Amino acid sequence: MITFVNVFTVLPEKQQDAFQAIQKVYTDVVAHQPGFIAAKLIVSDDGVRVTAIANWESEENLKALRNTQGFKDLHNETFYNVTISSDGHVYSKLIEIKPQ
């Protein structure tokens, strides 16, 4: 399993619009892809970030998503008008620490 974390930087007045656009990508396309396990979308209290944290069976599944027409269609002018930048990274090592 891998975890893909993508931090989107947005203008504070566009945070809700960005959240909705990112949520649409996840609900309409990502959720239906082979190898997708689950995701969390979170918004920062400072109003300038939306973060997507997604679990996938493999990096190959994640790469295949990017080539789907649905993914390309939703990364359109509207999507890019509400995001300034994105910084995505794949993580494959996880150590979970819980209270004792």
PDB file of N, CA and C in Angstrom:
ATOM      1  N   MET A   1       0.837  -1.178   0.000  1.00  0.00           N
ATOM      2  CA  MET A   1       0.000   0.000   0.000  1.00  0.00           C
ATOM      3  C   MET A   1       0.886   1.248   0.000  1.00  0.00           C
ATOM      4  N   ILE A   2       0.421   2.274  -0.723  1.00  0.00           N
ATOM      5  CA  ILE A   2       1.106   3.566  -0.707  1.00  0.00           C
ATOM      6  C   ILE A   2       0.106   4.637  -0.275  1.00  0.00           C
ATOM      7  N   THR A   3       0.652   5.745   0.186  1.00  0.00           N
ATOM      8  CA  THR A   3      -0.163   6.914   0.524  1.00  0.00           C
ATOM      9  C   THR A   3       0.296   8.063  -0.347  1.00  0.00           C
ATOM     10  N   PHE A   4      -0.662   8.724  -0.992  1.00  0.00           N
ATOM     11  CA  PHE A   4      -0.376   9.883  -1.821  1.00  0.00           C
ATOM     12  C   PHE A   4      -0.929  11.105  -1.105  1.00  0.00           C
ATOM     13  N   VAL A   5      -0.043  12.051  -0.791  1.00  0.00           N
ATOM     14  CA  VAL A   5      -0.433  13.283  -0.117  1.00  0.00           C
ATOM     15  C   VAL A   5      -0.217  14.433  -1.089  1.00  0.00           C
ATOM     16  N   ASN A   6      -1.287  15.180  -1.357  1.00  0.00           N
ATOM     17  CA  ASN A   6      -1.210  16.301  -2.279  1.00  0.00           C
ATOM     18  C   ASN A   6      -1.724  17.547  -1.567  1.00  0.00           C
ATOM     19  N   VAL A   7      -0.845  18.532  -1.394  1.00  0.00           N
ATOM     20  CA  VAL A   7      -1.202  19.786  -0.738  1.00  0.00           C
ATOM     21  C   VAL A   7      -1.414  20.839  -1.817  1.00  0.00           C
ATOM     22  N   PHE A   8      -2.652  21.313  -1.911  1.00  0.00           N
ATOM     23  CA  PHE A   8      -3.015  22.357  -2.863  1.00  0.00           C
ATOM     24  C   PHE A   8      -2.976  23.703  -2.153  1.00  0.00           C
ATOM     25  N   THR A   9      -2.283  24.656  -2.723  1.00  0.00           N
ATOM     26  CA  THR A   9      -2.280  26.019  -2.203  1.00  0.00           C
ATOM     27  C   THR A   9      -3.323  26.807  -2.979  1.00  0.00           C
ATOM     28  N   VAL A  10      -4.156  27.542  -2.240  1.00  0.00           N
ATOM     29  CA  VAL A  10      -5.261  28.278  -2.849  1.00  0.00           C
ATOM     30  C   VAL A  10      -5.343  29.672  -2.230  1.00  0.00           C
ATOM     31  N   LEU A  11      -6.036  30.576  -2.912  1.00  0.00           N
ATOM     32  CA  LEU A  11      -6.320  31.878  -2.325  1.00  0.00           C
ATOM     33  C   LEU A  11      -7.389  31.701  -1.254  1.00  0.00           C
ATOM     34  N   PRO A  12      -7.283  32.425  -0.134  1.00  0.00           N
ATOM     35  CA  PRO A  12      -8.261  32.239   0.948  1.00  0.00           C
ATOM     36  C   PRO A  12      -9.712  32.369   0.483  1.00  0.00           C
ATOM     37  N   GLU A  13      -9.983  33.297  -0.410  1.00  0.00           N
ATOM     38  CA  GLU A  13     -11.365  33.474  -0.878  1.00  0.00           C
ATOM     39  C   GLU A  13     -11.813  32.361  -1.830  1.00  0.00           C
ATOM     40  N   LYS A  14     -10.892  31.501  -2.222  1.00  0.00           N
ATOM     41  CA  LYS A  14     -11.207  30.405  -3.146  1.00  0.00           C
ATOM     42  C   LYS A  14     -11.099  29.028  -2.481  1.00  0.00           C
ATOM     43  N   GLN A  15     -10.832  28.991  -1.179  1.00  0.00           N
ATOM     44  CA  GLN A  15     -10.616  27.702  -0.523  1.00  0.00           C
ATOM     45  C   GLN A  15     -11.824  26.781  -0.671  1.00  0.00           C
ATOM     46  N   GLN A  16     -13.029  27.278  -0.448  1.00  0.00           N
ATOM     47  CA  GLN A  16     -14.217  26.431  -0.548  1.00  0.00           C
ATOM     48  C   GLN A  16     -14.425  25.944  -1.982  1.00  0.00           C
ATOM     49  N   ASP A  17     -14.192  26.822  -2.959  1.00  0.00           N
ATOM     50  CA  ASP A  17     -14.308  26.421  -4.367  1.00  0.00           C
ATOM     51  C   ASP A  17     -13.280  25.347  -4.708  1.00  0.00           C
ATOM     52  N   ALA A  18     -12.065  25.516  -4.200  1.00  0.00           N
ATOM     53  CA  ALA A  18     -11.010  24.529  -4.447  1.00  0.00           C
ATOM     54  C   ALA A  18     -11.377  23.199  -3.800  1.00  0.00           C
ATOM     55  N   PHE A  19     -11.867  23.255  -2.578  1.00  0.00           N
ATOM     56  CA  PHE A  19     -12.274  22.034  -1.887  1.00  0.00           C
ATOM     57  C   PHE A  19     -13.336  21.286  -2.700  1.00  0.00           C
ATOM     58  N   GLN A  20     -14.311  22.015  -3.218  1.00  0.00           N
ATOM     59  CA  GLN A  20     -15.379  21.385  -4.003  1.00  0.00           C
ATOM     60  C   GLN A  20     -14.850  20.792  -5.307  1.00  0.00           C
ATOM     61  N   ALA A  21     -13.921  21.488  -5.954  1.00  0.00           N
ATOM     62  CA  ALA A  21     -13.342  20.977  -7.205  1.00  0.00           C
ATOM     63  C   ALA A  21     -12.524  19.713  -6.949  1.00  0.00           C
ATOM     64  N   ILE A  22     -11.747  19.709  -5.883  1.00  0.00           N
ATOM     65  CA  ILE A  22     -10.928  18.539  -5.547  1.00  0.00           C
ATOM     66  C   ILE A  22     -11.830  17.384  -5.133  1.00  0.00           C
ATOM     67  N   GLN A  23     -12.861  17.687  -4.357  1.00  0.00           N
ATOM     68  CA  GLN A  23     -13.807  16.657  -3.943  1.00  0.00           C
ATOM     69  C   GLN A  23     -14.477  16.022  -5.164  1.00  0.00           C
ATOM     70  N   LYS A  24     -14.805  16.821  -6.164  1.00  0.00           N
ATOM     71  CA  LYS A  24     -15.432  16.304  -7.387  1.00  0.00           C
ATOM     72  C   LYS A  24     -14.503  15.322  -8.099  1.00  0.00           C
ATOM     73  N   VAL A  25     -13.217  15.647  -8.181  1.00  0.00           N
ATOM     74  CA  VAL A  25     -12.251  14.734  -8.794  1.00  0.00           C
ATOM     75  C   VAL A  25     -12.247  13.401  -8.041  1.00  0.00           C
ATOM     76  N   TYR A  26     -12.243  13.480  -6.712  1.00  0.00           N
ATOM     77  CA  TYR A  26     -12.183  12.250  -5.919  1.00  0.00           C
ATOM     78  C   TYR A  26     -13.477  11.440  -5.995  1.00  0.00           C
ATOM     79  N   THR A  27     -14.636  12.095  -5.909  1.00  0.00           N
ATOM     80  CA  THR A  27     -15.896  11.346  -5.911  1.00  0.00           C
ATOM     81  C   THR A  27     -16.284  10.860  -7.297  1.00  0.00           C
ATOM     82  N   ASP A  28     -16.019  11.656  -8.331  1.00  0.00           N
ATOM     83  CA  ASP A  28     -16.450  11.295  -9.685  1.00  0.00           C
ATOM     84  C   ASP A  28     -15.473  10.387 -10.416  1.00  0.00           C
ATOM     85  N   VAL A  29     -14.185  10.446 -10.072  1.00  0.00           N
ATOM     86  CA  VAL A  29     -13.191   9.694 -10.838  1.00  0.00           C
ATOM     87  C   VAL A  29     -12.360   8.775  -9.942  1.00  0.00           C
ATOM     88  N   VAL A  30     -11.665   9.338  -8.988  1.00  0.00           N
ATOM     89  CA  VAL A  30     -10.713   8.569  -8.185  1.00  0.00           C
ATOM     90  C   VAL A  30     -11.389   7.388  -7.491  1.00  0.00           C
ATOM     91  N   ALA A  31     -12.549   7.621  -6.891  1.00  0.00           N
ATOM     92  CA  ALA A  31     -13.223   6.573  -6.112  1.00  0.00           C
ATOM     93  C   ALA A  31     -13.568   5.333  -6.926  1.00  0.00           C
ATOM     94  N   HIS A  32     -13.574   5.451  -8.239  1.00  0.00           N
ATOM     95  CA  HIS A  32     -13.954   4.341  -9.102  1.00  0.00           C
ATOM     96  C   HIS A  32     -12.762   3.647  -9.767  1.00  0.00           C
ATOM     97  N   GLN A  33     -11.562   4.030  -9.391  1.00  0.00           N
ATOM     98  CA  GLN A  33     -10.370   3.489 -10.049  1.00  0.00           C
ATOM     99  C   GLN A  33      -9.868   2.216  -9.376  1.00  0.00           C
ATOM    100  N   PRO A  34      -9.383   1.274 -10.185  1.00  0.00           N
ATOM    101  CA  PRO A  34      -8.784   0.063  -9.610  1.00  0.00           C
ATOM    102  C   PRO A  34      -7.608   0.440  -8.705  1.00  0.00           C
ATOM    103  N   GLY A  35      -7.546  -0.195  -7.558  1.00  0.00           N
ATOM    104  CA  GLY A  35      -6.441   0.032  -6.638  1.00  0.00           C
ATOM    105  C   GLY A  35      -6.650   1.156  -5.648  1.00  0.00           C
ATOM    106  N   PHE A  36      -7.699   1.950  -5.819  1.00  0.00           N
ATOM    107  CA  PHE A  36      -7.987   3.020  -4.859  1.00  0.00           C
ATOM    108  C   PHE A  36      -8.574   2.391  -3.605  1.00  0.00           C
ATOM    109  N   ILE A  37      -8.085   2.819  -2.436  1.00  0.00           N
ATOM    110  CA  ILE A  37      -8.554   2.269  -1.165  1.00  0.00           C
ATOM    111  C   ILE A  37      -9.444   3.266  -0.428  1.00  0.00           C
ATOM    112  N   ALA A  38      -8.923   4.468  -0.175  1.00  0.00           N
ATOM    113  CA  ALA A  38      -9.683   5.481   0.576  1.00  0.00           C
ATOM    114  C   ALA A  38      -8.944   6.805   0.506  1.00  0.00           C
ATOM    115  N   ALA A  39      -9.671   7.879   0.835  1.00  0.00           N
ATOM    116  CA  ALA A  39      -9.040   9.206   0.853  1.00  0.00           C
ATOM    117  C   ALA A  39      -9.689  10.073   1.912  1.00  0.00           C
ATOM    118  N   LYS A  40      -8.931  11.054   2.359  1.00  0.00           N
ATOM    119  CA  LYS A  40      -9.421  12.112   3.238  1.00  0.00           C
ATOM    120  C   LYS A  40      -9.053  13.432   2.595  1.00  0.00           C
ATOM    121  N   LEU A  41      -9.999  14.358   2.600  1.00  0.00           N
ATOM    122  CA  LEU A  41      -9.736  15.721   2.145  1.00  0.00           C
ATOM    123  C   LEU A  41      -9.884  16.624   3.345  1.00  0.00           C
ATOM    124  N   ILE A  42      -8.889  17.482   3.553  1.00  0.00           N
ATOM    125  CA  ILE A  42      -8.932  18.383   4.704  1.00  0.00           C
ATOM    126  C   ILE A  42      -8.594  19.800   4.248  1.00  0.00           C
ATOM    127  N   VAL A  43      -9.188  20.767   4.954  1.00  0.00           N
ATOM    128  CA  VAL A  43      -8.919  22.176   4.651  1.00  0.00           C
ATOM    129  C   VAL A  43      -8.212  22.796   5.844  1.00  0.00           C
ATOM    130  N   SER A  44      -7.265  23.666   5.549  1.00  0.00           N
ATOM    131  CA  SER A  44      -6.497  24.298   6.621  1.00  0.00           C
ATOM    132  C   SER A  44      -7.277  25.464   7.220  1.00  0.00           C
ATOM    133  N   ASP A  45      -7.061  25.695   8.481  1.00  0.00           N
ATOM    134  CA  ASP A  45      -7.731  26.798   9.174  1.00  0.00           C
ATOM    135  C   ASP A  45      -7.250  28.159   8.695  1.00  0.00           C
ATOM    136  N   ASP A  46      -6.066  28.231   8.094  1.00  0.00           N
ATOM    137  CA  ASP A  46      -5.563  29.518   7.606  1.00  0.00           C
ATOM    138  C   ASP A  46      -6.172  29.908   6.260  1.00  0.00           C
ATOM    139  N   GLY A  47      -6.947  28.999   5.656  1.00  0.00           N
ATOM    140  CA  GLY A  47      -7.667  29.309   4.427  1.00  0.00           C
ATOM    141  C   GLY A  47      -6.884  29.186   3.140  1.00  0.00           C
ATOM    142  N   VAL A  48      -5.636  28.748   3.196  1.00  0.00           N
ATOM    143  CA  VAL A  48      -4.815  28.739   1.979  1.00  0.00           C
ATOM    144  C   VAL A  48      -4.389  27.356   1.504  1.00  0.00           C
ATOM    145  N   ARG A  49      -4.928  26.299   2.116  1.00  0.00           N
ATOM    146  CA  ARG A  49      -4.554  24.953   1.683  1.00  0.00           C
ATOM    147  C   ARG A  49      -5.750  24.011   1.724  1.00  0.00           C
ATOM    148  N   VAL A  50      -5.739  23.077   0.784  1.00  0.00           N
ATOM    149  CA  VAL A  50      -6.618  21.911   0.804  1.00  0.00           C
ATOM    150  C   VAL A  50      -5.683  20.728   0.596  1.00  0.00           C
ATOM    151  N   THR A  51      -5.793  19.729   1.452  1.00  0.00           N
ATOM    152  CA  THR A  51      -4.893  18.583   1.371  1.00  0.00           C
ATOM    153  C   THR A  51      -5.695  17.309   1.127  1.00  0.00           C
ATOM    154  N   ALA A  52      -5.217  16.521   0.183  1.00  0.00           N
ATOM    155  CA  ALA A  52      -5.805  15.218  -0.116  1.00  0.00           C
ATOM    156  C   ALA A  52      -4.820  14.142   0.325  1.00  0.00           C
ATOM    157  N   ILE A  53      -5.309  13.205   1.105  1.00  0.00           N
ATOM    158  CA  ILE A  53      -4.502  12.089   1.584  1.00  0.00           C
ATOM    159  C   ILE A  53      -5.197  10.815   1.113  1.00  0.00           C
ATOM    160  N   ALA A  54      -4.576  10.107   0.185  1.00  0.00           N
ATOM    161  CA  ALA A  54      -5.222   8.945  -0.427  1.00  0.00           C
ATOM    162  C   ALA A  54      -4.358   7.702  -0.310  1.00  0.00           C
ATOM    163  N   ASN A  55      -5.018   6.593  -0.057  1.00  0.00           N
ATOM    164  CA  ASN A  55      -4.341   5.301   0.003  1.00  0.00           C
ATOM    165  C   ASN A  55      -4.657   4.510  -1.260  1.00  0.00           C
ATOM    166  N   TRP A  56      -3.605   3.920  -1.809  1.00  0.00           N
ATOM    167  CA  TRP A  56      -3.697   3.128  -3.037  1.00  0.00           C
ATOM    168  C   TRP A  56      -3.008   1.796  -2.818  1.00  0.00           C
ATOM    169  N   GLU A  57      -3.424   0.797  -3.572  1.00  0.00           N
ATOM    170  CA  GLU A  57      -2.759  -0.497  -3.505  1.00  0.00           C
ATOM    171  C   GLU A  57      -1.323  -0.411  -4.015  1.00  0.00           C
ATOM    172  N   SER A  58      -1.096   0.428  -5.056  1.00  0.00           N
ATOM    173  CA  SER A  58       0.259   0.550  -5.600  1.00  0.00           C
ATOM    174  C   SER A  58       0.424   1.884  -6.315  1.00  0.00           C
ATOM    175  N   GLU A  59       1.671   2.248  -6.531  1.00  0.00           N
ATOM    176  CA  GLU A  59       1.964   3.464  -7.281  1.00  0.00           C
ATOM    177  C   GLU A  59       1.526   3.324  -8.742  1.00  0.00           C
ATOM    178  N   GLU A  60       1.555   2.105  -9.263  1.00  0.00           N
ATOM    179  CA  GLU A  60       1.097   1.874 -10.636  1.00  0.00           C
ATOM    180  C   GLU A  60      -0.385   2.220 -10.784  1.00  0.00           C
ATOM    181  N   ASN A  61      -1.198   1.890  -9.768  1.00  0.00           N
ATOM    182  CA  ASN A  61      -2.619   2.253  -9.803  1.00  0.00           C
ATOM    183  C   ASN A  61      -2.788   3.766  -9.827  1.00  0.00           C
ATOM    184  N   LEU A  62      -2.001   4.469  -9.034  1.00  0.00           N
ATOM    185  CA  LEU A  62      -2.055   5.930  -8.994  1.00  0.00           C
ATOM    186  C   LEU A  62      -1.652   6.514 -10.344  1.00  0.00           C
ATOM    187  N   LYS A  63      -0.596   5.993 -10.928  1.00  0.00           N
ATOM    188  CA  LYS A  63      -0.151   6.478 -12.243  1.00  0.00           C
ATOM    189  C   LYS A  63      -1.205   6.238 -13.311  1.00  0.00           C
ATOM    190  N   ALA A  64      -1.887   5.093 -13.248  1.00  0.00           N
ATOM    191  CA  ALA A  64      -2.933   4.782 -14.230  1.00  0.00           C
ATOM    192  C   ALA A  64      -4.084   5.780 -14.125  1.00  0.00           C
ATOM    193  N   LEU A  65      -4.403   6.221 -12.936  1.00  0.00           N
ATOM    194  CA  LEU A  65      -5.464   7.212 -12.744  1.00  0.00           C
ATOM    195  C   LEU A  65      -5.198   8.458 -13.563  1.00  0.00           C
ATOM    196  N   ARG A  66      -3.978   8.924 -13.542  1.00  0.00           N
ATOM    197  CA  ARG A  66      -3.624  10.179 -14.213  1.00  0.00           C
ATOM    198  C   ARG A  66      -3.824  10.108 -15.728  1.00  0.00           C
ATOM    199  N   ASN A  67      -3.881   8.904 -16.276  1.00  0.00           N
ATOM    200  CA  ASN A  67      -4.080   8.742 -17.716  1.00  0.00           C
ATOM    201  C   ASN A  67      -5.536   8.560 -18.115  1.00  0.00           C
ATOM    202  N   THR A  68      -6.456   8.544 -17.142  1.00  0.00           N
ATOM    203  CA  THR A  68      -7.864   8.360 -17.485  1.00  0.00           C
ATOM    204  C   THR A  68      -8.446   9.665 -18.017  1.00  0.00           C
ATOM    205  N   GLN A  69      -9.396   9.539 -18.912  1.00  0.00           N
ATOM    206  CA  GLN A  69     -10.025  10.728 -19.499  1.00  0.00           C
ATOM    207  C   GLN A  69     -10.790  11.524 -18.445  1.00  0.00           C
ATOM    208  N   GLY A  70     -11.449  10.829 -17.519  1.00  0.00           N
ATOM    209  CA  GLY A  70     -12.189  11.523 -16.468  1.00  0.00           C
ATOM    210  C   GLY A  70     -11.289  12.405 -15.620  1.00  0.00           C
ATOM    211  N   PHE A  71     -10.111  11.906 -15.285  1.00  0.00           N
ATOM    212  CA  PHE A  71      -9.149  12.681 -14.500  1.00  0.00           C
ATOM    213  C   PHE A  71      -8.706  13.914 -15.285  1.00  0.00           C
ATOM    214  N   LYS A  72      -8.414  13.715 -16.558  1.00  0.00           N
ATOM    215  CA  LYS A  72      -7.980  14.838 -17.401  1.00  0.00           C
ATOM    216  C   LYS A  72      -9.104  15.850 -17.573  1.00  0.00           C
ATOM    217  N   ASP A  73     -10.329  15.370 -17.759  1.00  0.00           N
ATOM    218  CA  ASP A  73     -11.472  16.265 -17.959  1.00  0.00           C
ATOM    219  C   ASP A  73     -11.732  17.159 -16.738  1.00  0.00           C
ATOM    220  N   LEU A  74     -11.554  16.617 -15.538  1.00  0.00           N
ATOM    221  CA  LEU A  74     -11.824  17.404 -14.332  1.00  0.00           C
ATOM    222  C   LEU A  74     -10.666  18.321 -13.940  1.00  0.00           C
ATOM    223  N   HIS A  75      -9.506  18.102 -14.517  1.00  0.00           N
ATOM    224  CA  HIS A  75      -8.392  19.037 -14.325  1.00  0.00           C
ATOM    225  C   HIS A  75      -8.469  20.055 -15.466  1.00  0.00           C
ATOM    226  N   ASN A  76      -9.476  20.909 -15.358  1.00  0.00           N
ATOM    227  CA  ASN A  76      -9.793  21.856 -16.419  1.00  0.00           C
ATOM    228  C   ASN A  76      -9.575  23.291 -15.947  1.00  0.00           C
ATOM    229  N   GLU A  77     -10.016  24.235 -16.743  1.00  0.00           N
ATOM    230  CA  GLU A  77      -9.820  25.649 -16.419  1.00  0.00           C
ATOM    231  C   GLU A  77     -10.436  26.012 -15.074  1.00  0.00           C
ATOM    232  N   THR A  78     -11.610  25.503 -14.799  1.00  0.00           N
ATOM    233  CA  THR A  78     -12.259  25.781 -13.509  1.00  0.00           C
ATOM    234  C   THR A  78     -11.392  25.292 -12.359  1.00  0.00           C
ATOM    235  N   PHE A  79     -10.849  24.081 -12.490  1.00  0.00           N
ATOM    236  CA  PHE A  79      -9.989  23.517 -11.450  1.00  0.00           C
ATOM    237  C   PHE A  79      -8.759  24.401 -11.231  1.00  0.00           C
ATOM    238  N   TYR A  80      -8.124  24.795 -12.320  1.00  0.00           N
ATOM    239  CA  TYR A  80      -6.897  25.581 -12.204  1.00  0.00           C
ATOM    240  C   TYR A  80      -7.156  27.029 -11.800  1.00  0.00           C
ATOM    241  N   ASN A  81      -8.385  27.526 -11.958  1.00  0.00           N
ATOM    242  CA  ASN A  81      -8.718  28.872 -11.502  1.00  0.00           C
ATOM    243  C   ASN A  81      -8.865  28.960  -9.986  1.00  0.00           C
ATOM    244  N   VAL A  82      -9.041  27.834  -9.320  1.00  0.00           N
ATOM    245  CA  VAL A  82      -9.216  27.862  -7.865  1.00  0.00           C
ATOM    246  C   VAL A  82      -7.994  27.326  -7.114  1.00  0.00           C
ATOM    247  N   THR A  83      -6.989  26.858  -7.838  1.00  0.00           N
ATOM    248  CA  THR A  83      -5.762  26.391  -7.187  1.00  0.00           C
ATOM    249  C   THR A  83      -4.565  27.201  -7.679  1.00  0.00           C
ATOM    250  N   ILE A  84      -3.679  27.516  -6.773  1.00  0.00           N
ATOM    251  CA  ILE A  84      -2.443  28.220  -7.135  1.00  0.00           C
ATOM    252  C   ILE A  84      -1.365  27.204  -7.509  1.00  0.00           C
ATOM    253  N   SER A  85      -1.245  26.174  -6.679  1.00  0.00           N
ATOM    254  CA  SER A  85      -0.239  25.145  -6.936  1.00  0.00           C
ATOM    255  C   SER A  85      -0.629  23.872  -6.197  1.00  0.00           C
ATOM    256  N   SER A  86       0.045  22.792  -6.556  1.00  0.00           N
ATOM    257  CA  SER A  86      -0.125  21.543  -5.819  1.00  0.00           C
ATOM    258  C   SER A  86       1.238  20.910  -5.628  1.00  0.00           C
ATOM    259  N   ASP A  87       1.371  20.217  -4.521  1.00  0.00           N
ATOM    260  CA  ASP A  87       2.632  19.570  -4.172  1.00  0.00           C
ATOM    261  C   ASP A  87       2.308  18.158  -3.709  1.00  0.00           C
ATOM    262  N   GLY A  88       2.388  17.203  -4.629  1.00  0.00           N
ATOM    263  CA  GLY A  88       2.032  15.827  -4.321  1.00  0.00           C
ATOM    264  C   GLY A  88       3.238  14.919  -4.206  1.00  0.00           C
ATOM    265  N   HIS A  89       3.155  13.985  -3.249  1.00  0.00           N
ATOM    266  CA  HIS A  89       4.248  13.037  -3.018  1.00  0.00           C
ATOM    267  C   HIS A  89       3.688  11.675  -2.624  1.00  0.00           C
ATOM    268  N   VAL A  90       4.409  10.629  -3.015  1.00  0.00           N
ATOM    269  CA  VAL A  90       4.050   9.260  -2.666  1.00  0.00           C
ATOM    270  C   VAL A  90       4.871   8.842  -1.448  1.00  0.00           C
ATOM    271  N   TYR A  91       4.181   8.208  -0.500  1.00  0.00           N
ATOM    272  CA  TYR A  91       4.823   7.692   0.709  1.00  0.00           C
ATOM    273  C   TYR A  91       4.542   6.198   0.786  1.00  0.00           C
ATOM    274  N   SER A  92       5.589   5.401   1.012  1.00  0.00           N
ATOM    275  CA  SER A  92       5.383   3.960   1.065  1.00  0.00           C
ATOM    276  C   SER A  92       5.723   3.350   2.419  1.00  0.00           C
ATOM    277  N   LYS A  93       6.256   4.140   3.313  1.00  0.00           N
ATOM    278  CA  LYS A  93       6.593   3.613   4.632  1.00  0.00           C
ATOM    279  C   LYS A  93       5.698   4.282   5.659  1.00  0.00           C
ATOM    280  N   LEU A  94       5.085   3.472   6.500  1.00  0.00           N
ATOM    281  CA  LEU A  94       4.162   3.973   7.510  1.00  0.00           C
ATOM    282  C   LEU A  94       4.462   3.341   8.836  1.00  0.00           C
ATOM    283  N   ILE A  95       4.589   4.171   9.831  1.00  0.00           N
ATOM    284  CA  ILE A  95       4.697   3.710  11.212  1.00  0.00           C
ATOM    285  C   ILE A  95       3.566   4.400  11.970  1.00  0.00           C
ATOM    286  N   GLU A  96       2.675   3.629  12.522  1.00  0.00           N
ATOM    287  CA  GLU A  96       1.534   4.197  13.227  1.00  0.00           C
ATOM    288  C   GLU A  96       1.839   4.195  14.717  1.00  0.00           C
ATOM    289  N   ILE A  97       1.649   5.338  15.351  1.00  0.00           N
ATOM    290  CA  ILE A  97       1.880   5.471  16.790  1.00  0.00           C
ATOM    291  C   ILE A  97       0.547   5.839  17.434  1.00  0.00           C
ATOM    292  N   LYS A  98       0.184   5.069  18.433  1.00  0.00           N
ATOM    293  CA  LYS A  98      -1.081   5.281  19.140  1.00  0.00           C
ATOM    294  C   LYS A  98      -0.809   5.510  20.613  1.00  0.00           C
ATOM    295  N   PRO A  99      -1.760   6.170  21.290  1.00  0.00           N
ATOM    296  CA  PRO A  99      -1.578   6.363  22.728  1.00  0.00           C
ATOM    297  C   PRO A  99      -1.538   5.019  23.453  1.00  0.00           C
ATOM    298  N   GLN A 100      -0.810   4.971  24.515  1.00  0.00           N
ATOM    299  CA  GLN A 100      -0.659   3.726  25.266  1.00  0.00           C
ATOM    300  C   GLN A 100      -1.688   3.603  26.349  1.00  0.00           C
TER     301      GLN A 100
END
